[in-house]
Protein backbone atom coordinates (compact mmCIF):
# COMPACT_ATOMS: atom_id res chain seq x y z
CA MET A 1 -40.22 5.84 52.30
CA VAL A 2 -39.64 5.92 48.51
CA ILE A 3 -37.12 3.06 48.92
CA VAL A 4 -39.62 1.12 51.09
CA VAL A 5 -42.38 1.58 48.52
CA LEU A 6 -40.17 0.47 45.65
CA MET A 7 -39.09 -2.59 47.67
CA LEU A 8 -42.69 -3.57 48.37
CA VAL A 9 -43.80 -3.00 44.79
CA SER A 10 -40.86 -4.93 43.23
CA GLY A 11 -41.03 -7.65 45.83
CA SER A 12 -44.75 -8.09 45.13
CA TRP A 13 -44.14 -8.19 41.35
CA LEU A 14 -41.53 -10.92 41.75
CA LEU A 15 -43.80 -12.90 44.05
CA PHE A 16 -46.40 -13.21 41.33
CA HIS A 17 -43.90 -13.28 38.38
CA PRO A 18 -41.19 -15.68 39.59
CA ILE A 19 -38.10 -16.05 37.39
CA PRO A 20 -38.53 -19.36 35.48
CA GLN A 21 -36.04 -22.00 36.59
CA ASN A 22 -33.70 -23.37 33.92
CA THR A 23 -34.27 -27.09 33.81
CA ALA A 24 -31.48 -28.01 31.34
CA THR A 25 -29.15 -30.84 32.30
CA LEU A 26 -26.08 -28.70 31.39
CA ARG A 27 -25.76 -24.96 30.90
CA LEU A 28 -22.98 -23.39 28.91
CA TRP A 29 -22.02 -19.67 28.78
CA THR A 30 -20.04 -18.24 25.93
CA PHE A 31 -19.16 -14.62 25.04
CA ALA A 32 -18.74 -15.12 21.35
CA THR A 33 -21.69 -15.02 19.01
CA VAL A 34 -20.07 -17.21 16.43
CA HIS A 35 -19.33 -19.85 19.04
CA CYS A 36 -22.86 -19.62 20.44
CA ASP A 37 -24.32 -20.23 16.94
CA ALA A 38 -22.05 -23.13 16.33
CA TYR A 39 -22.74 -24.81 19.64
CA LYS A 40 -26.50 -24.40 19.20
CA GLN A 41 -26.23 -26.25 15.89
CA ALA A 42 -24.05 -29.00 17.51
CA VAL A 43 -26.11 -29.58 20.63
CA PRO A 44 -28.88 -31.68 19.10
CA GLY A 45 -26.26 -34.26 18.04
CA PHE A 46 -24.96 -34.54 21.61
CA GLU A 47 -28.48 -34.72 23.00
CA ALA A 48 -29.29 -37.57 20.54
CA GLN A 49 -26.28 -39.48 21.88
CA HIS A 50 -27.43 -38.91 25.46
CA PRO A 51 -31.21 -39.51 25.62
CA GLY A 52 -32.88 -37.43 28.29
CA VAL A 53 -30.06 -34.89 28.42
CA THR A 54 -30.70 -31.27 27.45
CA VAL A 55 -28.04 -28.53 26.95
CA ASP A 56 -28.74 -24.79 27.16
CA VAL A 57 -26.17 -22.48 25.45
CA GLU A 58 -26.36 -18.89 26.57
CA LEU A 59 -24.62 -15.82 25.01
CA VAL A 60 -23.22 -13.61 27.74
CA HIS A 61 -21.14 -10.45 27.21
CA GLY A 62 -17.44 -11.07 27.89
CA ASP A 63 -17.17 -8.44 30.60
CA ALA A 64 -20.33 -9.75 32.21
CA ILE A 65 -18.88 -13.27 32.26
CA THR A 66 -15.92 -12.11 34.31
CA SER A 67 -17.94 -10.08 36.79
CA ARG A 68 -21.02 -12.41 36.99
CA LEU A 69 -19.07 -15.56 37.19
CA GLN A 70 -16.70 -14.33 39.94
CA SER A 71 -19.68 -13.10 41.94
CA ALA A 72 -21.51 -16.37 41.33
CA PHE A 73 -18.57 -18.44 42.48
CA TRP A 74 -18.36 -16.49 45.69
CA ALA A 75 -22.08 -16.52 46.41
CA SER A 76 -22.83 -19.98 44.89
CA LEU A 77 -25.61 -18.33 42.78
CA ASP A 78 -26.46 -18.90 39.12
CA VAL A 79 -23.25 -20.80 38.24
CA PRO A 80 -23.41 -22.45 34.88
CA ASP A 81 -21.85 -25.91 34.24
CA LEU A 82 -19.41 -24.87 31.57
CA VAL A 83 -18.04 -21.50 30.70
CA GLU A 84 -15.96 -20.03 27.86
CA VAL A 85 -13.57 -17.30 29.01
CA GLU A 86 -11.54 -14.90 26.73
CA ILE A 87 -7.78 -15.47 27.08
CA SER A 88 -6.90 -12.05 28.63
CA GLN A 89 -9.62 -12.50 31.34
CA ALA A 90 -8.74 -16.11 32.25
CA GLY A 91 -6.04 -15.18 34.85
CA ALA A 92 -8.71 -13.40 36.92
CA PHE A 93 -10.18 -16.74 37.89
CA PHE A 94 -6.86 -18.29 39.05
CA ARG A 95 -6.03 -16.05 41.94
CA GLY A 96 -6.00 -17.42 45.49
CA PRO A 97 -5.14 -21.01 46.63
CA VAL A 98 -5.50 -23.66 43.95
CA ALA A 99 -8.21 -25.37 46.05
CA ASP A 100 -10.25 -22.13 45.77
CA VAL A 101 -10.24 -21.91 41.97
CA GLY A 102 -13.79 -22.11 40.75
CA PHE A 103 -13.02 -24.35 37.79
CA VAL A 104 -12.42 -28.08 37.83
CA ASP A 105 -8.77 -29.19 37.54
CA LEU A 106 -8.65 -30.89 34.13
CA THR A 107 -5.01 -32.05 34.30
CA ASP A 108 -5.63 -35.72 35.12
CA TRP A 109 -8.46 -36.03 32.61
CA LEU A 110 -6.22 -34.50 29.92
CA LYS A 111 -3.44 -37.00 30.75
CA GLN A 112 -5.75 -40.03 30.80
CA SER A 113 -7.49 -39.10 27.58
CA GLY A 114 -4.22 -38.38 25.76
CA TYR A 115 -5.26 -34.83 24.87
CA LEU A 116 -2.34 -33.33 26.84
CA ASP A 117 -0.02 -34.70 24.11
CA ARG A 118 -2.32 -34.23 21.18
CA ILE A 119 -3.07 -30.52 21.72
CA VAL A 120 -0.54 -27.77 20.93
CA LYS A 121 1.29 -27.41 24.28
CA SER A 122 1.73 -23.63 24.08
CA ARG A 123 -2.14 -23.32 24.22
CA PHE A 124 -2.34 -24.72 27.67
CA SER A 125 -0.02 -21.94 29.11
CA PRO A 126 -2.75 -19.29 29.51
CA TYR A 127 -5.06 -21.68 31.35
CA THR A 128 -2.44 -23.25 33.60
CA SER A 129 -1.81 -22.13 37.20
CA ARG A 130 0.75 -23.62 39.54
CA GLY A 131 1.10 -26.63 37.25
CA ARG A 132 -2.60 -27.41 36.99
CA VAL A 133 -4.68 -26.98 33.91
CA PHE A 134 -8.10 -25.41 34.44
CA GLY A 135 -9.22 -24.74 30.88
CA LEU A 136 -9.56 -26.49 27.62
CA PRO A 137 -8.08 -24.49 24.70
CA HIS A 138 -10.59 -23.71 21.97
CA ASP A 139 -8.03 -22.49 19.42
CA VAL A 140 -4.42 -21.82 18.45
CA HIS A 141 -4.88 -18.54 16.59
CA PRO A 142 -1.59 -18.49 14.62
CA VAL A 143 -0.94 -15.18 12.94
CA MET A 144 -0.12 -14.53 9.32
CA LEU A 145 0.27 -11.40 7.25
CA ALA A 146 -2.63 -10.61 4.88
CA TYR A 147 -1.81 -8.37 1.95
CA ARG A 148 -3.25 -6.96 -1.30
CA ARG A 149 -1.63 -9.40 -3.71
CA ASP A 150 -2.64 -7.35 -6.74
CA LEU A 151 -0.98 -4.19 -5.32
CA PHE A 152 2.07 -5.99 -4.18
CA GLU A 153 2.55 -7.25 -7.74
CA ARG A 154 1.91 -3.78 -9.18
CA LEU A 155 4.43 -2.19 -6.87
CA GLY A 156 7.08 -4.88 -7.45
CA ILE A 157 6.96 -6.37 -3.96
CA ASP A 158 7.87 -10.07 -3.92
CA ALA A 159 6.17 -11.51 -0.79
CA ASP A 160 8.37 -14.53 -0.93
CA LYS A 161 11.42 -12.34 -0.40
CA LEU A 162 10.07 -10.71 2.78
CA GLN A 163 11.75 -13.20 5.05
CA THR A 164 12.57 -10.81 7.84
CA TRP A 165 11.05 -7.65 9.26
CA ASP A 166 14.15 -5.80 7.95
CA ASP A 167 13.16 -6.94 4.48
CA PHE A 168 9.65 -5.84 5.08
CA VAL A 169 10.59 -2.38 6.43
CA HIS A 170 12.98 -1.78 3.54
CA GLU A 171 10.18 -2.40 1.04
CA GLY A 172 7.75 -0.44 3.14
CA ARG A 173 9.84 2.67 3.08
CA ARG A 174 10.11 2.33 -0.69
CA VAL A 175 6.38 2.12 -1.37
CA THR A 176 4.77 4.13 1.48
CA LYS A 177 3.38 7.47 0.47
CA ARG A 178 2.38 9.48 3.55
CA GLY A 179 -1.34 10.23 3.56
CA HIS A 180 -2.10 7.97 0.59
CA ARG A 181 -0.50 4.54 1.04
CA TYR A 182 1.06 2.64 3.93
CA MET A 183 2.76 -0.75 3.98
CA ILE A 184 0.90 -2.13 7.08
CA GLN A 185 -1.73 -1.41 9.60
CA PHE A 186 -0.12 -0.79 12.99
CA SER A 187 -1.60 1.23 15.82
CA ASP A 188 0.31 4.13 17.55
CA VAL A 189 -2.22 4.41 20.42
CA THR A 190 -2.80 0.75 21.61
CA SER A 191 -0.63 -2.22 22.43
CA GLN A 192 -2.54 -4.62 20.37
CA ASN A 193 0.00 -5.02 17.53
CA LEU A 194 2.98 -4.46 19.75
CA GLU A 195 2.01 -7.36 22.06
CA MET A 196 1.79 -9.68 19.10
CA LEU A 197 5.30 -8.73 18.11
CA LEU A 198 6.45 -9.21 21.73
CA PHE A 199 5.10 -12.74 21.69
CA GLN A 200 6.85 -13.48 18.44
CA ARG A 201 10.13 -12.45 20.04
CA GLY A 202 9.58 -14.52 23.18
CA GLY A 203 8.42 -11.65 25.38
CA GLY A 204 5.01 -10.67 26.75
CA TYR A 205 3.42 -9.37 29.91
CA PHE A 206 4.14 -12.17 32.35
CA ASP A 207 6.33 -15.29 32.56
CA ALA A 208 5.26 -18.83 33.51
CA ASN A 209 5.57 -17.96 37.25
CA GLY A 210 3.34 -14.94 36.99
CA ASP A 211 6.14 -12.46 37.29
CA LEU A 212 5.79 -9.20 35.33
CA LEU A 213 8.25 -8.84 32.46
CA MET A 214 6.65 -6.02 30.44
CA ASP A 215 9.61 -3.75 31.08
CA ASN A 216 12.38 -6.22 30.18
CA GLU A 217 14.98 -5.71 27.43
CA ILE A 218 12.82 -7.56 24.86
CA THR A 219 10.11 -4.94 25.33
CA VAL A 220 12.44 -2.01 25.34
CA GLU A 221 14.08 -3.16 22.08
CA THR A 222 10.71 -4.00 20.46
CA ILE A 223 9.28 -0.54 21.28
CA LYS A 224 12.42 1.14 19.93
CA TRP A 225 11.94 -0.86 16.74
CA TYR A 226 8.14 -0.47 16.53
CA ILE A 227 7.64 3.23 17.22
CA PRO A 228 9.54 4.56 14.18
CA LEU A 229 7.25 2.49 12.00
CA VAL A 230 4.16 4.30 13.31
CA ALA A 231 5.50 7.81 14.09
CA GLY A 232 8.14 10.26 12.76
CA SER A 233 9.27 11.08 9.28
CA HIS A 234 10.00 7.54 8.00
CA LEU A 235 6.85 5.73 9.20
CA ILE A 236 5.48 2.89 7.09
CA ALA A 237 2.29 2.14 9.07
CA SER A 238 -1.08 3.71 9.79
CA ASP A 239 -4.23 2.65 11.52
CA PRO A 240 -7.37 3.76 9.63
CA GLY A 241 -9.52 3.48 12.71
CA ALA A 242 -11.42 1.02 14.84
CA SER A 243 -14.61 0.86 12.79
CA ASP A 244 -15.30 -1.84 10.29
CA GLN A 245 -16.30 0.73 7.65
CA ALA A 246 -12.95 2.70 7.98
CA PHE A 247 -10.93 -0.50 7.85
CA THR A 248 -12.82 -1.81 4.83
CA ARG A 249 -12.38 1.40 2.94
CA ALA A 250 -8.67 1.43 3.71
CA VAL A 251 -8.23 -2.05 2.31
CA GLU A 252 -10.33 -1.42 -0.80
CA ASP A 253 -8.54 1.88 -1.60
CA GLY A 254 -5.06 0.45 -1.01
CA TYR A 255 -4.50 2.86 1.91
CA ILE A 256 -3.02 -0.11 3.74
CA LEU A 257 -1.30 -2.83 1.82
CA SER A 258 -1.17 -5.44 4.55
CA PHE A 259 -2.39 -6.21 8.09
CA ILE A 260 -1.91 -8.81 10.83
CA CYS A 261 -4.31 -11.65 10.31
CA PRO A 262 -4.89 -14.43 12.87
CA ASP A 263 -7.12 -17.31 11.54
CA TRP A 264 -10.29 -15.85 13.08
CA ARG A 265 -9.77 -12.48 11.39
CA SER A 266 -9.37 -14.08 7.94
CA ARG A 267 -13.03 -15.04 8.06
CA LEU A 268 -14.04 -11.54 9.15
CA ILE A 269 -12.21 -10.08 6.23
CA GLU A 270 -14.01 -12.35 3.79
CA ARG A 271 -17.37 -11.15 5.14
CA ASN A 272 -16.57 -7.49 5.66
CA VAL A 273 -14.46 -6.88 2.57
CA PRO A 274 -16.07 -9.05 -0.03
CA GLN A 275 -15.03 -6.81 -2.93
CA MET A 276 -11.37 -7.90 -2.48
CA ALA A 277 -12.09 -11.58 -3.36
CA GLY A 278 -9.25 -12.95 -5.41
CA LYS A 279 -7.00 -9.88 -4.72
CA MET A 280 -5.93 -10.91 -1.25
CA ALA A 281 -3.25 -13.44 -0.09
CA LEU A 282 -1.61 -14.57 3.10
CA MET A 283 2.05 -15.13 4.04
CA PRO A 284 3.89 -16.03 7.22
CA LEU A 285 4.99 -13.13 9.36
CA PRO A 286 8.52 -11.84 8.62
CA ALA A 287 10.96 -13.13 11.25
CA PHE A 288 13.00 -10.85 13.49
CA THR A 289 16.06 -12.92 12.67
CA ARG A 290 16.53 -14.94 9.50
CA GLY A 291 15.31 -18.44 10.08
CA GLY A 292 13.44 -17.31 13.18
CA ARG A 293 9.80 -17.67 14.25
CA ARG A 294 7.35 -16.58 11.52
CA THR A 295 4.17 -16.46 13.42
CA SER A 296 2.71 -15.15 16.70
CA THR A 297 -0.77 -15.31 18.33
CA TRP A 298 -3.69 -13.00 18.76
CA GLY A 299 -6.71 -13.79 20.96
CA GLY A 300 -7.88 -17.14 22.47
CA THR A 301 -10.62 -18.82 24.39
CA MET A 302 -10.78 -21.47 27.10
CA LEU A 303 -13.61 -23.74 28.14
CA GLY A 304 -13.84 -24.49 31.84
CA ILE A 305 -16.07 -26.81 33.89
CA THR A 306 -17.23 -25.14 37.07
CA LYS A 307 -16.97 -26.92 40.44
CA HIS A 308 -20.71 -26.19 40.91
CA CYS A 309 -21.51 -28.54 38.00
CA ARG A 310 -23.50 -31.50 39.30
CA ASN A 311 -22.51 -33.92 36.58
CA LYS A 312 -18.86 -33.15 35.75
CA GLU A 313 -18.28 -36.35 33.81
CA LEU A 314 -21.17 -35.45 31.42
CA ALA A 315 -19.80 -31.89 31.17
CA TRP A 316 -16.40 -33.33 30.22
CA GLN A 317 -18.05 -35.39 27.49
CA LEU A 318 -19.84 -32.25 26.13
CA ALA A 319 -16.56 -30.31 26.14
CA GLN A 320 -14.91 -33.06 24.09
CA TYR A 321 -17.82 -33.26 21.67
CA LEU A 322 -17.82 -29.48 21.06
CA TYR A 323 -14.03 -29.05 20.89
CA PHE A 324 -12.71 -32.29 19.41
CA ASP A 325 -15.38 -34.11 17.42
CA ARG A 326 -14.03 -34.16 13.81
CA GLN A 327 -17.44 -33.63 12.24
CA GLN A 328 -17.97 -30.55 14.47
CA LEU A 329 -14.56 -29.24 13.85
CA ALA A 330 -14.88 -29.51 10.01
CA ALA A 331 -18.25 -27.75 10.02
CA ARG A 332 -16.93 -25.04 12.41
CA TYR A 333 -13.85 -24.42 10.36
CA ARG A 334 -15.99 -23.77 7.30
CA GLU A 335 -17.85 -21.15 9.23
CA THR A 336 -15.06 -19.50 11.21
CA ASN A 337 -11.66 -20.41 9.62
CA ILE A 338 -10.50 -21.11 13.25
CA LEU A 339 -7.89 -23.81 13.53
CA SER A 340 -8.40 -26.31 16.26
CA PRO A 341 -5.52 -26.92 18.78
CA LEU A 342 -6.02 -30.61 18.35
CA LYS A 343 -3.15 -31.69 16.05
CA PRO A 344 -4.83 -34.85 14.61
CA ALA A 345 -7.58 -32.54 13.31
CA TRP A 346 -5.14 -30.78 10.97
CA ASP A 347 -5.56 -33.57 8.40
CA LEU A 348 -9.20 -32.66 7.80
CA PRO A 349 -9.76 -32.32 4.03
CA VAL A 350 -11.52 -28.96 4.57
CA LEU A 351 -8.23 -27.39 5.68
CA ARG A 352 -6.65 -28.17 2.28
CA GLU A 353 -9.42 -26.67 0.19
CA PRO A 354 -8.30 -23.72 -1.97
CA ARG A 355 -9.99 -20.47 -1.03
CA PRO A 356 -10.89 -18.28 -4.06
CA TYR A 357 -10.99 -15.20 -1.81
CA TRP A 358 -7.33 -15.74 -0.82
CA SER A 359 -6.09 -16.26 -4.38
CA ASP A 360 -6.92 -19.97 -4.14
CA GLN A 361 -4.53 -20.56 -1.23
CA PRO A 362 -5.36 -23.55 1.14
CA ILE A 363 -5.30 -21.26 4.11
CA GLY A 364 -6.24 -23.90 6.64
CA LYS A 365 -3.10 -25.80 5.69
CA LEU A 366 -1.01 -22.65 5.85
CA TYR A 367 -2.20 -21.80 9.37
CA ALA A 368 -1.68 -25.37 10.50
CA GLU A 369 1.90 -25.35 9.24
CA LEU A 370 2.64 -22.43 11.60
CA ALA A 371 0.65 -23.66 14.59
CA GLU A 372 3.49 -25.55 16.29
CA GLN A 373 5.52 -22.33 16.26
CA VAL A 374 2.88 -20.36 18.18
CA PRO A 375 4.55 -18.88 21.23
CA PRO A 376 3.23 -19.46 24.78
CA GLN A 377 1.15 -16.65 26.22
CA TYR A 378 1.10 -16.41 30.01
CA VAL A 379 -1.67 -14.62 31.83
CA SER A 380 -2.35 -13.17 35.26
CA PRO A 381 -5.17 -11.58 37.20
CA PHE A 382 -3.48 -8.36 36.13
CA THR A 383 -3.27 -8.97 32.47
CA SER A 384 -5.96 -6.44 31.60
CA LEU A 385 -4.17 -3.76 33.62
CA ALA A 386 -0.82 -4.56 32.03
CA LYS A 387 -2.34 -4.31 28.59
CA GLU A 388 -3.87 -0.90 29.46
CA LYS A 389 -0.54 0.40 30.77
CA LEU A 390 1.47 -0.80 27.78
CA GLY A 391 -1.07 0.89 25.50
CA GLN A 392 -0.37 4.16 27.36
CA VAL A 393 3.34 3.66 26.85
CA VAL A 394 2.87 3.10 23.08
CA SER A 395 0.85 6.33 22.81
CA ALA A 396 3.31 8.38 24.88
CA CYS A 397 6.35 7.06 22.99
CA ALA A 398 4.72 7.69 19.55
CA SER A 399 3.99 11.28 20.58
CA TYR A 400 7.51 11.79 21.86
CA TYR A 401 9.14 10.33 18.73
CA SER A 402 6.95 12.51 16.48
CA SER A 403 8.23 15.62 18.26
CA HIS A 404 11.86 14.66 19.11
CA GLY A 405 12.88 11.87 16.88
CA GLU A 406 15.80 9.72 18.14
CA GLU A 407 17.06 12.32 20.55
CA GLY A 408 16.60 10.99 24.04
CA PHE A 409 14.15 8.40 22.67
CA GLU A 410 15.59 5.33 24.36
CA ALA A 411 15.74 6.98 27.77
CA PHE A 412 12.18 8.11 27.35
CA VAL A 413 11.11 4.56 26.50
CA ARG A 414 12.82 3.08 29.58
CA VAL A 415 11.37 5.70 31.93
CA ARG A 416 7.74 5.35 30.72
CA LEU A 417 8.01 1.63 30.58
CA LYS A 418 9.27 1.38 34.07
CA GLN A 419 6.61 3.73 35.35
CA ALA A 420 3.93 1.60 33.76
CA ALA A 421 5.40 -1.68 35.06
CA ASP A 422 5.75 -0.19 38.55
CA ASP A 423 2.05 0.73 38.56
CA VAL A 424 1.19 -2.89 37.73
CA ARG A 425 3.60 -4.25 40.37
CA ARG A 426 2.05 -2.02 43.04
CA GLN A 427 -1.32 -3.59 42.27
CA MET A 428 0.15 -7.07 42.26
CA GLU A 429 1.71 -6.49 45.73
CA ARG A 430 -1.76 -6.00 47.18
CA ASN A 431 -2.68 -9.48 46.14
CA PRO A 432 -1.60 -11.93 48.90
CA PHE A 433 -1.58 -14.79 46.34
């Protein structure tokens, strides 16, 4: 009876207070506040070019986008025209036959427009399934190393000589003082930093065919190299915590001397740690082998056009306007420091402007010089699960190494890694596609 009463009351309320219908010509969902703000500023220009057209930009939580959009695809309810999806969640939308993917296949449009050749090729890999491209890459997100330039100089560390990770670790063991100062921010409980190193070495979670490779030899060797940096008696890394306040204090106090810094994070640092203006600098990542790759990637976003969109050609024009219009890209770079994947945009004057915060370095130019080296990142409907399992491996291996050191460590790494990968494979086997 209670349920019946609630149904009657709520039904009556909805009858007299109907949900207003969205009358915009195009609706776009994004999970990132900074994207949402930028697009709202850009929309009036697009509407002026298309009289009578209106665009509504909505901010939707990233997890909600995944669950709401998948449900909407299945039920044909409340499906927006365009959607931004975070890179690790993108694979969830590509399961099933290609014909059943809820996003429009952009491959032919990209070829005809020339964008397929003008965009960094590695950035299509996360949004490609069975040879078809379903998402437009928003970014490249090359990674550099941010460091306290003033403290490096005081401690006699020459950043130009840190060509390899061996060089870096050698200096790190010289200057690290446990409990007071650490060479770099690395986590011993998550896979976030480890996965960036895996990408740099040509590894990752999945290959181009969607096969799991998180327990291959590249991963084993990388964990064996990484864990002694974050655990044991000769560590050089620490993670001050997830909160902005803890990280800010760690940078200001010199508790950590350096940290991994993709382009988007450089802007966050400027805002969250303003006291360090003029004391910070950026350098390419050390390579694993001399002359090897000196960058990686962290994060990413795709823009997809849904098959429910009634005016797909107009949606494609909006996508190009937001992602590739030079005026929009220049303005957005000033606000976000995010490098566009469109290579012709790398000659924008704003990218060459010296940044006082970063010791007058032209950081846009520095990131652009590394962008072509950014490794491909392949995704799957099981990417989130693989990330979770690899994080558990990192935590377990760090704990083991702290207690046992090198004794039996490699065998432990292999066993835990295989257990984690087997858990992922069991879930994958349940997926008929």
